[in-house]
Amino acid sequence: MARKEAKMQLMDAMHAAGIQISNVSEWCRTHGVDRRTFYRHRARALAEGQWRPRSRRPKTIPHATPEPVVAEIVRLRAEL
């Protein structure tokens, strides 16, 4: 994962410095990045201003215990 982040940060740094990647296929082959990944991350970096790693944590947890149940459990344990 650290290597992928380093490659994407290199790509972002090149973009920030104004360096144009004239041959994307060659750059991807040299740095071991899939072309689709390159274009996806470049679009994200352009949209957000710079590339940053995102959290892989899910936005929702459908099987999580509902909050009222958790509160009741905590209350009952506090009584013990």
PDB file of N, CA and C in Angstrom:
ATOM      1  N   MET A   1       0.820  -1.185   0.000  1.00  0.00           N
ATOM      2  CA  MET A   1       0.000   0.000   0.000  1.00  0.00           C
ATOM      3  C   MET A   1       0.868   1.254   0.000  1.00  0.00           C
ATOM      4  N   ALA A   2       1.964   1.225   0.722  1.00  0.00           N
ATOM      5  CA  ALA A   2       2.835   2.393   0.789  1.00  0.00           C
ATOM      6  C   ALA A   2       3.432   2.709  -0.580  1.00  0.00           C
ATOM      7  N   ARG A   3       3.743   1.678  -1.354  1.00  0.00           N
ATOM      8  CA  ARG A   3       4.295   1.909  -2.692  1.00  0.00           C
ATOM      9  C   ARG A   3       3.270   2.584  -3.591  1.00  0.00           C
ATOM     10  N   LYS A   4       2.023   2.126  -3.499  1.00  0.00           N
ATOM     11  CA  LYS A   4       0.975   2.726  -4.314  1.00  0.00           C
ATOM     12  C   LYS A   4       0.807   4.192  -3.952  1.00  0.00           C
ATOM     13  N   GLU A   5       0.791   4.483  -2.649  1.00  0.00           N
ATOM     14  CA  GLU A   5       0.666   5.874  -2.212  1.00  0.00           C
ATOM     15  C   GLU A   5       1.838   6.704  -2.732  1.00  0.00           C
ATOM     16  N   ALA A   6       3.036   6.145  -2.678  1.00  0.00           N
ATOM     17  CA  ALA A   6       4.217   6.872  -3.145  1.00  0.00           C
ATOM     18  C   ALA A   6       4.121   7.165  -4.640  1.00  0.00           C
ATOM     19  N   LYS A   7       3.623   6.201  -5.406  1.00  0.00           N
ATOM     20  CA  LYS A   7       3.479   6.407  -6.851  1.00  0.00           C
ATOM     21  C   LYS A   7       2.445   7.483  -7.147  1.00  0.00           C
ATOM     22  N   MET A   8       1.340   7.447  -6.417  1.00  0.00           N
ATOM     23  CA  MET A   8       0.304   8.443  -6.648  1.00  0.00           C
ATOM     24  C   MET A   8       0.774   9.825  -6.197  1.00  0.00           C
ATOM     25  N   GLN A   9       1.560   9.896  -5.132  1.00  0.00           N
ATOM     26  CA  GLN A   9       2.106  11.178  -4.685  1.00  0.00           C
ATOM     27  C   GLN A   9       3.125  11.705  -5.687  1.00  0.00           C
ATOM     28  N   LEU A  10       3.893  10.797  -6.308  1.00  0.00           N
ATOM     29  CA  LEU A  10       4.822  11.203  -7.365  1.00  0.00           C
ATOM     30  C   LEU A  10       4.039  11.798  -8.528  1.00  0.00           C
ATOM     31  N   MET A  11       2.971  11.140  -8.918  1.00  0.00           N
ATOM     32  CA  MET A  11       2.143  11.629 -10.011  1.00  0.00           C
ATOM     33  C   MET A  11       1.564  13.005  -9.662  1.00  0.00           C
ATOM     34  N   ASP A  12       1.101  13.160  -8.428  1.00  0.00           N
ATOM     35  CA  ASP A  12       0.547  14.438  -7.982  1.00  0.00           C
ATOM     36  C   ASP A  12       1.614  15.520  -7.958  1.00  0.00           C
ATOM     37  N   ALA A  13       2.803  15.175  -7.495  1.00  0.00           N
ATOM     38  CA  ALA A  13       3.898  16.155  -7.445  1.00  0.00           C
ATOM     39  C   ALA A  13       4.281  16.605  -8.853  1.00  0.00           C
ATOM     40  N   MET A  14       4.290  15.660  -9.787  1.00  0.00           N
ATOM     41  CA  MET A  14       4.610  16.025 -11.173  1.00  0.00           C
ATOM     42  C   MET A  14       3.543  16.969 -11.724  1.00  0.00           C
ATOM     43  N   HIS A  15       2.294  16.695 -11.399  1.00  0.00           N
ATOM     44  CA  HIS A  15       1.205  17.569 -11.850  1.00  0.00           C
ATOM     45  C   HIS A  15       1.328  18.958 -11.223  1.00  0.00           C
ATOM     46  N   ALA A  16       1.634  19.005  -9.926  1.00  0.00           N
ATOM     47  CA  ALA A  16       1.763  20.279  -9.215  1.00  0.00           C
ATOM     48  C   ALA A  16       2.932  21.101  -9.763  1.00  0.00           C
ATOM     49  N   ALA A  17       3.986  20.414 -10.188  1.00  0.00           N
ATOM     50  CA  ALA A  17       5.156  21.109 -10.727  1.00  0.00           C
ATOM     51  C   ALA A  17       4.946  21.540 -12.181  1.00  0.00           C
ATOM     52  N   GLY A  18       3.837  21.107 -12.760  1.00  0.00           N
ATOM     53  CA  GLY A  18       3.543  21.495 -14.137  1.00  0.00           C
ATOM     54  C   GLY A  18       4.207  20.604 -15.174  1.00  0.00           C
ATOM     55  N   ILE A  19       4.725  19.472 -14.748  1.00  0.00           N
ATOM     56  CA  ILE A  19       5.368  18.549 -15.673  1.00  0.00           C
ATOM     57  C   ILE A  19       4.285  17.742 -16.381  1.00  0.00           C
ATOM     58  N   GLN A  20       4.294  17.814 -17.691  1.00  0.00           N
ATOM     59  CA  GLN A  20       3.317  17.075 -18.484  1.00  0.00           C
ATOM     60  C   GLN A  20       3.848  15.663 -18.749  1.00  0.00           C
ATOM     61  N   ILE A  21       3.023  14.678 -18.535  1.00  0.00           N
ATOM     62  CA  ILE A  21       3.382  13.295 -18.837  1.00  0.00           C
ATOM     63  C   ILE A  21       2.935  13.060 -20.271  1.00  0.00           C
ATOM     64  N   SER A  22       3.892  13.113 -21.203  1.00  0.00           N
ATOM     65  CA  SER A  22       3.542  13.033 -22.621  1.00  0.00           C
ATOM     66  C   SER A  22       3.154  11.622 -23.039  1.00  0.00           C
ATOM     67  N   ASN A  23       3.793  10.618 -22.471  1.00  0.00           N
ATOM     68  CA  ASN A  23       3.486   9.242 -22.829  1.00  0.00           C
ATOM     69  C   ASN A  23       3.021   8.509 -21.570  1.00  0.00           C
ATOM     70  N   VAL A  24       1.714   8.492 -21.360  1.00  0.00           N
ATOM     71  CA  VAL A  24       1.140   7.893 -20.153  1.00  0.00           C
ATOM     72  C   VAL A  24       1.447   6.404 -20.083  1.00  0.00           C
ATOM     73  N   SER A  25       1.350   5.719 -21.220  1.00  0.00           N
ATOM     74  CA  SER A  25       1.618   4.275 -21.234  1.00  0.00           C
ATOM     75  C   SER A  25       3.032   3.975 -20.765  1.00  0.00           C
ATOM     76  N   GLU A  26       3.989   4.741 -21.239  1.00  0.00           N
ATOM     77  CA  GLU A  26       5.387   4.526 -20.841  1.00  0.00           C
ATOM     78  C   GLU A  26       5.595   4.843 -19.361  1.00  0.00           C
ATOM     79  N   TRP A  27       4.981   5.937 -18.889  1.00  0.00           N
ATOM     80  CA  TRP A  27       5.110   6.312 -17.475  1.00  0.00           C
ATOM     81  C   TRP A  27       4.526   5.213 -16.593  1.00  0.00           C
ATOM     82  N   CYS A  28       3.372   4.702 -16.982  1.00  0.00           N
ATOM     83  CA  CYS A  28       2.715   3.652 -16.200  1.00  0.00           C
ATOM     84  C   CYS A  28       3.548   2.377 -16.203  1.00  0.00           C
ATOM     85  N   ARG A  29       4.104   2.032 -17.353  1.00  0.00           N
ATOM     86  CA  ARG A  29       4.943   0.838 -17.437  1.00  0.00           C
ATOM     87  C   ARG A  29       6.198   0.995 -16.572  1.00  0.00           C
ATOM     88  N   THR A  30       6.796   2.156 -16.595  1.00  0.00           N
ATOM     89  CA  THR A  30       8.014   2.424 -15.815  1.00  0.00           C
ATOM     90  C   THR A  30       7.750   2.365 -14.318  1.00  0.00           C
ATOM     91  N   HIS A  31       6.600   2.890 -13.893  1.00  0.00           N
ATOM     92  CA  HIS A  31       6.300   2.989 -12.464  1.00  0.00           C
ATOM     93  C   HIS A  31       5.385   1.876 -11.953  1.00  0.00           C
ATOM     94  N   GLY A  32       4.990   0.968 -12.841  1.00  0.00           N
ATOM     95  CA  GLY A  32       4.188  -0.172 -12.416  1.00  0.00           C
ATOM     96  C   GLY A  32       2.773   0.178 -12.008  1.00  0.00           C
ATOM     97  N   VAL A  33       2.173   1.121 -12.744  1.00  0.00           N
ATOM     98  CA  VAL A  33       0.807   1.555 -12.454  1.00  0.00           C
ATOM     99  C   VAL A  33      -0.065   1.207 -13.659  1.00  0.00           C
ATOM    100  N   ASP A  34      -1.235   0.669 -13.408  1.00  0.00           N
ATOM    101  CA  ASP A  34      -2.180   0.387 -14.477  1.00  0.00           C
ATOM    102  C   ASP A  34      -2.683   1.702 -15.063  1.00  0.00           C
ATOM    103  N   ARG A  35      -2.862   1.759 -16.393  1.00  0.00           N
ATOM    104  CA  ARG A  35      -3.304   3.005 -17.024  1.00  0.00           C
ATOM    105  C   ARG A  35      -4.658   3.466 -16.516  1.00  0.00           C
ATOM    106  N   ARG A  36      -5.585   2.528 -16.303  1.00  0.00           N
ATOM    107  CA  ARG A  36      -6.902   2.918 -15.782  1.00  0.00           C
ATOM    108  C   ARG A  36      -6.769   3.533 -14.397  1.00  0.00           C
ATOM    109  N   THR A  37      -5.880   2.960 -13.579  1.00  0.00           N
ATOM    110  CA  THR A  37      -5.637   3.514 -12.243  1.00  0.00           C
ATOM    111  C   THR A  37      -5.046   4.907 -12.355  1.00  0.00           C
ATOM    112  N   PHE A  38      -4.106   5.100 -13.287  1.00  0.00           N
ATOM    113  CA  PHE A  38      -3.484   6.403 -13.499  1.00  0.00           C
ATOM    114  C   PHE A  38      -4.543   7.458 -13.823  1.00  0.00           C
ATOM    115  N   TYR A  39      -5.394   7.160 -14.799  1.00  0.00           N
ATOM    116  CA  TYR A  39      -6.404   8.137 -15.215  1.00  0.00           C
ATOM    117  C   TYR A  39      -7.429   8.385 -14.115  1.00  0.00           C
ATOM    118  N   ARG A  40      -7.805   7.346 -13.374  1.00  0.00           N
ATOM    119  CA  ARG A  40      -8.769   7.504 -12.288  1.00  0.00           C
ATOM    120  C   ARG A  40      -8.195   8.406 -11.193  1.00  0.00           C
ATOM    121  N   HIS A  41      -6.947   8.164 -10.814  1.00  0.00           N
ATOM    122  CA  HIS A  41      -6.331   8.967  -9.748  1.00  0.00           C
ATOM    123  C   HIS A  41      -5.995  10.376 -10.230  1.00  0.00           C
ATOM    124  N   ARG A  42      -5.643  10.509 -11.501  1.00  0.00           N
ATOM    125  CA  ARG A  42      -5.375  11.854 -12.018  1.00  0.00           C
ATOM    126  C   ARG A  42      -6.644  12.688 -12.004  1.00  0.00           C
ATOM    127  N   ALA A  43      -7.774  12.087 -12.398  1.00  0.00           N
ATOM    128  CA  ALA A  43      -9.047  12.805 -12.376  1.00  0.00           C
ATOM    129  C   ALA A  43      -9.415  13.202 -10.953  1.00  0.00           C
ATOM    130  N   ARG A  44      -9.171  12.302 -10.016  1.00  0.00           N
ATOM    131  CA  ARG A  44      -9.468  12.600  -8.609  1.00  0.00           C
ATOM    132  C   ARG A  44      -8.582  13.722  -8.093  1.00  0.00           C
ATOM    133  N   ALA A  45      -7.299  13.697  -8.456  1.00  0.00           N
ATOM    134  CA  ALA A  45      -6.368  14.743  -8.013  1.00  0.00           C
ATOM    135  C   ALA A  45      -6.754  16.092  -8.605  1.00  0.00           C
ATOM    136  N   LEU A  46      -7.174  16.103  -9.857  1.00  0.00           N
ATOM    137  CA  LEU A  46      -7.587  17.364 -10.476  1.00  0.00           C
ATOM    138  C   LEU A  46      -8.870  17.891  -9.846  1.00  0.00           C
ATOM    139  N   ALA A  47      -9.784  17.002  -9.516  1.00  0.00           N
ATOM    140  CA  ALA A  47     -11.062  17.417  -8.918  1.00  0.00           C
ATOM    141  C   ALA A  47     -10.892  17.917  -7.486  1.00  0.00           C
ATOM    142  N   GLU A  48     -10.001  17.263  -6.718  1.00  0.00           N
ATOM    143  CA  GLU A  48      -9.847  17.596  -5.293  1.00  0.00           C
ATOM    144  C   GLU A  48      -8.672  18.523  -5.014  1.00  0.00           C
ATOM    145  N   GLY A  49      -7.875  18.842  -6.017  1.00  0.00           N
ATOM    146  CA  GLY A  49      -6.745  19.738  -5.812  1.00  0.00           C
ATOM    147  C   GLY A  49      -5.426  19.014  -5.604  1.00  0.00           C
ATOM    148  N   GLN A  50      -5.451  17.874  -4.986  1.00  0.00           N
ATOM    149  CA  GLN A  50      -4.264  17.045  -4.816  1.00  0.00           C
ATOM    150  C   GLN A  50      -4.700  15.640  -4.434  1.00  0.00           C
ATOM    151  N   TRP A  51      -3.785  14.693  -4.614  1.00  0.00           N
ATOM    152  CA  TRP A  51      -4.114  13.311  -4.291  1.00  0.00           C
ATOM    153  C   TRP A  51      -3.831  13.050  -2.823  1.00  0.00           C
ATOM    154  N   ARG A  52      -4.818  12.476  -2.139  1.00  0.00           N
ATOM    155  CA  ARG A  52      -4.648  12.060  -0.739  1.00  0.00           C
ATOM    156  C   ARG A  52      -5.235  10.670  -0.592  1.00  0.00           C
ATOM    157  N   PRO A  53      -4.618   9.830   0.220  1.00  0.00           N
ATOM    158  CA  PRO A  53      -5.226   8.517   0.443  1.00  0.00           C
ATOM    159  C   PRO A  53      -6.558   8.675   1.166  1.00  0.00           C
ATOM    160  N   ARG A  54      -7.520   7.859   0.778  1.00  0.00           N
ATOM    161  CA  ARG A  54      -8.838   7.904   1.404  1.00  0.00           C
ATOM    162  C   ARG A  54      -8.984   6.762   2.397  1.00  0.00           C
ATOM    163  N   SER A  55      -9.854   6.972   3.357  1.00  0.00           N
ATOM    164  CA  SER A  55     -10.165   5.934   4.321  1.00  0.00           C
ATOM    165  C   SER A  55     -10.860   4.786   3.614  1.00  0.00           C
ATOM    166  N   ARG A  56     -10.524   3.568   3.996  1.00  0.00           N
ATOM    167  CA  ARG A  56     -11.169   2.399   3.418  1.00  0.00           C
ATOM    168  C   ARG A  56     -12.313   1.910   4.299  1.00  0.00           C
ATOM    169  N   ARG A  57     -12.582   2.647   5.363  1.00  0.00           N
ATOM    170  CA  ARG A  57     -13.659   2.287   6.278  1.00  0.00           C
ATOM    171  C   ARG A  57     -15.010   2.493   5.587  1.00  0.00           C
ATOM    172  N   PRO A  58     -15.921   1.543   5.730  1.00  0.00           N
ATOM    173  CA  PRO A  58     -17.226   1.719   5.096  1.00  0.00           C
ATOM    174  C   PRO A  58     -17.998   2.889   5.715  1.00  0.00           C
ATOM    175  N   LYS A  59     -18.823   3.524   4.914  1.00  0.00           N
ATOM    176  CA  LYS A  59     -19.612   4.659   5.403  1.00  0.00           C
ATOM    177  C   LYS A  59     -20.709   4.210   6.364  1.00  0.00           C
ATOM    178  N   THR A  60     -21.253   3.035   6.113  1.00  0.00           N
ATOM    179  CA  THR A  60     -22.276   2.486   7.000  1.00  0.00           C
ATOM    180  C   THR A  60     -21.939   1.039   7.340  1.00  0.00           C
ATOM    181  N   ILE A  61     -22.478   0.581   8.465  1.00  0.00           N
ATOM    182  CA  ILE A  61     -22.297  -0.803   8.888  1.00  0.00           C
ATOM    183  C   ILE A  61     -23.702  -1.364   9.131  1.00  0.00           C
ATOM    184  N   PRO A  62     -24.269  -2.012   8.123  1.00  0.00           N
ATOM    185  CA  PRO A  62     -25.659  -2.448   8.241  1.00  0.00           C
ATOM    186  C   PRO A  62     -25.912  -3.464   9.349  1.00  0.00           C
ATOM    187  N   HIS A  63     -24.923  -4.250   9.715  1.00  0.00           N
ATOM    188  CA  HIS A  63     -25.117  -5.269  10.743  1.00  0.00           C
ATOM    189  C   HIS A  63     -24.728  -4.792  12.146  1.00  0.00           C
ATOM    190  N   ALA A  64     -24.442  -3.513  12.294  1.00  0.00           N
ATOM    191  CA  ALA A  64     -24.052  -2.969  13.597  1.00  0.00           C
ATOM    192  C   ALA A  64     -25.249  -2.959  14.554  1.00  0.00           C
ATOM    193  N   THR A  65     -24.951  -3.056  15.833  1.00  0.00           N
ATOM    194  CA  THR A  65     -25.987  -2.998  16.863  1.00  0.00           C
ATOM    195  C   THR A  65     -26.565  -1.583  16.904  1.00  0.00           C
ATOM    196  N   PRO A  66     -27.896  -1.451  16.880  1.00  0.00           N
ATOM    197  CA  PRO A  66     -28.505  -0.110  16.902  1.00  0.00           C
ATOM    198  C   PRO A  66     -28.102   0.671  18.161  1.00  0.00           C
ATOM    199  N   GLU A  67     -28.001   1.973  18.009  1.00  0.00           N
ATOM    200  CA  GLU A  67     -27.547   2.841  19.102  1.00  0.00           C
ATOM    201  C   GLU A  67     -28.420   2.749  20.355  1.00  0.00           C
ATOM    202  N   PRO A  68     -29.750   2.681  20.260  1.00  0.00           N
ATOM    203  CA  PRO A  68     -30.559   2.558  21.488  1.00  0.00           C
ATOM    204  C   PRO A  68     -30.241   1.260  22.255  1.00  0.00           C
ATOM    205  N   VAL A  69     -29.961   0.188  21.534  1.00  0.00           N
ATOM    206  CA  VAL A  69     -29.624  -1.080  22.182  1.00  0.00           C
ATOM    207  C   VAL A  69     -28.276  -0.959  22.891  1.00  0.00           C
ATOM    208  N   VAL A  70     -27.317  -0.315  22.234  1.00  0.00           N
ATOM    209  CA  VAL A  70     -26.000  -0.111  22.847  1.00  0.00           C
ATOM    210  C   VAL A  70     -26.148   0.727  24.117  1.00  0.00           C
ATOM    211  N   ALA A  71     -26.941   1.782  24.064  1.00  0.00           N
ATOM    212  CA  ALA A  71     -27.146   2.640  25.229  1.00  0.00           C
ATOM    213  C   ALA A  71     -27.776   1.865  26.380  1.00  0.00           C
ATOM    214  N   GLU A  72     -28.727   0.991  26.081  1.00  0.00           N
ATOM    215  CA  GLU A  72     -29.365   0.180  27.113  1.00  0.00           C
ATOM    216  C   GLU A  72     -28.366  -0.806  27.727  1.00  0.00           C
ATOM    217  N   ILE A  73     -27.527  -1.417  26.915  1.00  0.00           N
ATOM    218  CA  ILE A  73     -26.512  -2.342  27.416  1.00  0.00           C
ATOM    219  C   ILE A  73     -25.546  -1.621  28.360  1.00  0.00           C
ATOM    220  N   VAL A  74     -25.114  -0.451  27.949  1.00  0.00           N
ATOM    221  CA  VAL A  74     -24.189   0.339  28.771  1.00  0.00           C
ATOM    222  C   VAL A  74     -24.859   0.711  30.092  1.00  0.00           C
ATOM    223  N   ARG A  75     -26.131   1.096  30.046  1.00  0.00           N
ATOM    224  CA  ARG A  75     -26.850   1.455  31.263  1.00  0.00           C
ATOM    225  C   ARG A  75     -26.957   0.251  32.197  1.00  0.00           C
ATOM    226  N   LEU A  76     -27.298  -0.907  31.650  1.00  0.00           N
ATOM    227  CA  LEU A  76     -27.431  -2.117  32.462  1.00  0.00           C
ATOM    228  C   LEU A  76     -26.093  -2.552  33.087  1.00  0.00           C
ATOM    229  N   ARG A  77     -25.033  -2.413  32.318  1.00  0.00           N
ATOM    230  CA  ARG A  77     -23.707  -2.768  32.849  1.00  0.00           C
ATOM    231  C   ARG A  77     -23.295  -1.815  33.968  1.00  0.00           C
ATOM    232  N   ALA A  78     -23.680  -0.553  33.829  1.00  0.00           N
ATOM    233  CA  ALA A  78     -23.328   0.441  34.848  1.00  0.00           C
ATOM    234  C   ALA A  78     -24.050   0.116  36.166  1.00  0.00           C
ATOM    235  N   GLU A  79     -25.206  -0.508  36.083  1.00  0.00           N
ATOM    236  CA  GLU A  79     -25.959  -0.872  37.297  1.00  0.00           C
ATOM    237  C   GLU A  79     -25.312  -2.026  38.054  1.00  0.00           C
ATOM    238  N   LEU A  80     -24.547  -2.846  37.346  1.00  0.00           N
ATOM    239  CA  LEU A  80     -23.934  -4.007  38.009  1.00  0.00           C
ATOM    240  C   LEU A  80     -22.882  -3.653  39.008  1.00  0.00           C
TER     241      LEU A  80
END
